[in-house]
């Protein structure tokens, strides 16, 4: 069950980053960059997890 939850989190992270990539491409591309500038859209940052956060899993007590 824990592995399934981790897989769902990873899938959600990939989905989010794919949408950020699409947004960033549109914000940079002509002519959509003109509209993006008019309405205040800007590039977003990808969701990234540092190596230290990945290695240190929280303790789990099933007792």
N, C-alpha and C. Protein backbone atom coordinates (compact mmCIF):
# COMPACT_ATOMS: atom_id res chain seq x y z
N UNK A 1 0.82 -1.19 0.00
CA UNK A 1 0.00 0.00 0.00
C UNK A 1 0.87 1.27 0.00
N UNK A 2 1.95 1.25 0.75
CA UNK A 2 2.84 2.41 0.79
C UNK A 2 3.50 2.64 -0.56
N UNK A 3 3.90 1.56 -1.23
CA UNK A 3 4.51 1.68 -2.56
C UNK A 3 3.51 2.24 -3.56
N UNK A 4 2.25 1.84 -3.43
CA UNK A 4 1.21 2.36 -4.32
C UNK A 4 1.02 3.86 -4.12
N UNK A 5 1.06 4.31 -2.89
CA UNK A 5 0.93 5.73 -2.59
C UNK A 5 2.10 6.51 -3.16
N UNK A 6 3.31 5.97 -3.01
CA UNK A 6 4.49 6.63 -3.57
C UNK A 6 4.40 6.71 -5.09
N UNK A 7 3.88 5.66 -5.73
CA UNK A 7 3.71 5.68 -7.19
C UNK A 7 2.70 6.75 -7.62
N UNK A 8 1.62 6.89 -6.86
CA UNK A 8 0.62 7.91 -7.19
C UNK A 8 1.19 9.32 -7.02
N UNK A 9 2.01 9.50 -6.00
CA UNK A 9 2.65 10.81 -5.80
C UNK A 9 3.60 11.11 -6.95
N UNK A 10 4.39 10.12 -7.36
CA UNK A 10 5.32 10.31 -8.49
C UNK A 10 4.56 10.62 -9.77
N UNK A 11 3.43 9.94 -10.00
CA UNK A 11 2.63 10.20 -11.19
C UNK A 11 2.06 11.62 -11.16
N UNK A 12 1.63 12.06 -10.00
CA UNK A 12 1.10 13.43 -9.87
C UNK A 12 2.19 14.46 -10.12
N UNK A 13 3.40 14.17 -9.64
CA UNK A 13 4.53 15.07 -9.87
C UNK A 13 4.84 15.16 -11.36
N UNK A 14 4.82 14.04 -12.07
CA UNK A 14 5.06 14.05 -13.52
C UNK A 14 3.96 14.83 -14.25
N UNK A 15 2.71 14.65 -13.83
CA UNK A 15 1.59 15.36 -14.44
C UNK A 15 1.73 16.87 -14.25
N UNK A 16 2.06 17.28 -13.03
CA UNK A 16 2.25 18.70 -12.73
C UNK A 16 3.38 19.28 -13.57
N UNK A 17 4.52 18.60 -13.61
CA UNK A 17 5.67 19.11 -14.35
C UNK A 17 5.40 19.16 -15.85
N UNK A 18 4.61 18.23 -16.38
CA UNK A 18 4.24 18.28 -17.79
C UNK A 18 3.39 19.51 -18.08
N UNK A 19 2.48 19.83 -17.17
CA UNK A 19 1.66 21.03 -17.36
C UNK A 19 2.47 22.30 -17.21
N UNK A 20 3.43 22.32 -16.30
CA UNK A 20 4.32 23.48 -16.16
C UNK A 20 5.13 23.66 -17.43
N UNK A 21 5.62 22.55 -18.01
CA UNK A 21 6.39 22.63 -19.25
C UNK A 21 5.53 23.22 -20.38
N UNK A 22 4.27 22.79 -20.47
CA UNK A 22 3.37 23.31 -21.50
C UNK A 22 3.11 24.80 -21.29
N UNK A 23 2.86 25.20 -20.04
CA UNK A 23 2.64 26.62 -19.74
C UNK A 23 3.86 27.45 -20.10
N UNK A 24 5.03 27.00 -19.68
CA UNK A 24 6.26 27.75 -19.94
C UNK A 24 6.51 27.90 -21.43
N UNK A 25 6.22 26.86 -22.20
CA UNK A 25 6.39 26.93 -23.65
C UNK A 25 5.46 27.96 -24.25
N UNK A 26 4.22 27.99 -23.79
CA UNK A 26 3.26 28.95 -24.34
C UNK A 26 3.59 30.37 -23.92
N UNK A 27 4.06 30.55 -22.71
CA UNK A 27 4.41 31.89 -22.23
C UNK A 27 5.58 32.46 -23.03
N UNK A 28 6.45 31.58 -23.53
CA UNK A 28 7.62 32.02 -24.29
C UNK A 28 7.36 32.17 -25.78
N UNK A 29 6.33 31.52 -26.30
CA UNK A 29 6.12 31.44 -27.75
C UNK A 29 5.24 32.57 -28.27
N UNK A 30 5.59 33.05 -29.46
CA UNK A 30 4.79 34.06 -30.15
C UNK A 30 3.63 33.36 -30.83
N UNK A 31 2.45 33.87 -30.82
CA UNK A 31 1.95 35.13 -30.29
C UNK A 31 1.38 35.02 -28.88
N UNK A 32 1.37 33.81 -28.33
CA UNK A 32 0.76 33.66 -27.00
C UNK A 32 1.54 34.41 -25.92
N UNK A 33 2.81 34.72 -26.17
CA UNK A 33 3.57 35.48 -25.17
C UNK A 33 3.03 36.90 -25.02
N UNK A 34 2.44 37.44 -26.06
CA UNK A 34 1.85 38.78 -25.98
C UNK A 34 0.63 38.75 -25.05
N UNK A 35 -0.23 37.76 -25.27
CA UNK A 35 -1.43 37.62 -24.43
C UNK A 35 -1.02 37.31 -22.99
N UNK A 36 -0.02 36.44 -22.82
CA UNK A 36 0.44 36.10 -21.47
C UNK A 36 0.94 37.34 -20.74
N UNK A 37 1.66 38.19 -21.44
CA UNK A 37 2.15 39.42 -20.83
C UNK A 37 1.03 40.37 -20.45
N UNK A 38 0.01 40.44 -21.29
CA UNK A 38 -1.13 41.33 -21.01
C UNK A 38 -1.89 40.90 -19.75
N UNK A 39 -1.96 39.60 -19.52
CA UNK A 39 -2.75 39.09 -18.39
C UNK A 39 -1.89 38.66 -17.20
N UNK A 40 -0.60 38.92 -17.27
CA UNK A 40 0.26 38.67 -16.12
C UNK A 40 0.70 37.23 -15.93
N UNK A 41 0.57 36.41 -16.97
CA UNK A 41 1.07 35.04 -16.85
C UNK A 41 2.58 35.05 -16.93
N UNK A 42 3.22 34.16 -16.21
CA UNK A 42 4.67 34.07 -16.22
C UNK A 42 5.09 32.61 -16.09
N UNK A 43 6.36 32.35 -16.31
CA UNK A 43 6.86 30.99 -16.20
C UNK A 43 6.79 30.52 -14.75
N UNK A 44 6.53 29.24 -14.60
CA UNK A 44 6.47 28.62 -13.28
C UNK A 44 7.66 27.68 -13.12
N UNK A 45 7.95 27.32 -11.89
CA UNK A 45 9.05 26.41 -11.61
C UNK A 45 8.53 24.98 -11.52
N UNK A 46 9.38 24.04 -11.93
CA UNK A 46 9.05 22.63 -11.83
C UNK A 46 9.08 22.20 -10.37
N UNK A 47 8.31 21.17 -10.06
CA UNK A 47 8.35 20.60 -8.71
C UNK A 47 9.48 19.59 -8.68
N UNK A 48 10.45 19.84 -7.82
CA UNK A 48 11.59 18.94 -7.69
C UNK A 48 11.81 18.63 -6.22
N UNK A 49 12.17 17.40 -5.96
CA UNK A 49 12.45 16.96 -4.60
C UNK A 49 13.95 16.77 -4.48
N UNK A 50 14.54 17.36 -3.46
CA UNK A 50 15.97 17.21 -3.24
C UNK A 50 16.33 15.78 -2.87
N UNK A 51 17.56 15.39 -3.14
CA UNK A 51 18.01 14.04 -2.84
C UNK A 51 17.87 13.70 -1.37
N UNK A 52 18.13 14.64 -0.52
CA UNK A 52 18.04 14.39 0.92
C UNK A 52 16.61 14.06 1.33
N UNK A 53 15.63 14.73 0.73
CA UNK A 53 14.24 14.46 1.05
C UNK A 53 13.81 13.08 0.58
N UNK A 54 14.35 12.63 -0.55
CA UNK A 54 13.98 11.32 -1.08
C UNK A 54 14.57 10.22 -0.21
N UNK A 55 15.79 10.39 0.21
CA UNK A 55 16.48 9.35 0.99
C UNK A 55 15.90 9.21 2.38
N UNK A 56 15.42 10.27 2.97
CA UNK A 56 14.94 10.20 4.35
C UNK A 56 13.42 10.08 4.38
N UNK A 57 12.95 8.85 4.26
CA UNK A 57 11.51 8.60 4.32
C UNK A 57 11.03 8.76 5.76
N UNK A 58 9.83 9.23 5.94
CA UNK A 58 9.32 9.39 7.30
C UNK A 58 9.11 8.03 7.96
N UNK A 59 9.24 7.97 9.27
CA UNK A 59 9.00 6.69 9.95
C UNK A 59 7.52 6.32 9.89
N UNK A 60 7.27 5.03 9.69
CA UNK A 60 5.90 4.54 9.60
C UNK A 60 5.70 3.48 10.66
N UNK A 61 4.64 3.63 11.45
CA UNK A 61 4.34 2.66 12.51
C UNK A 61 2.97 2.05 12.23
N UNK A 62 2.96 0.77 11.90
CA UNK A 62 1.70 0.08 11.62
C UNK A 62 1.16 -0.66 12.84
N UNK A 63 1.74 -0.37 13.99
CA UNK A 63 1.34 -1.09 15.21
C UNK A 63 0.29 -0.39 15.91
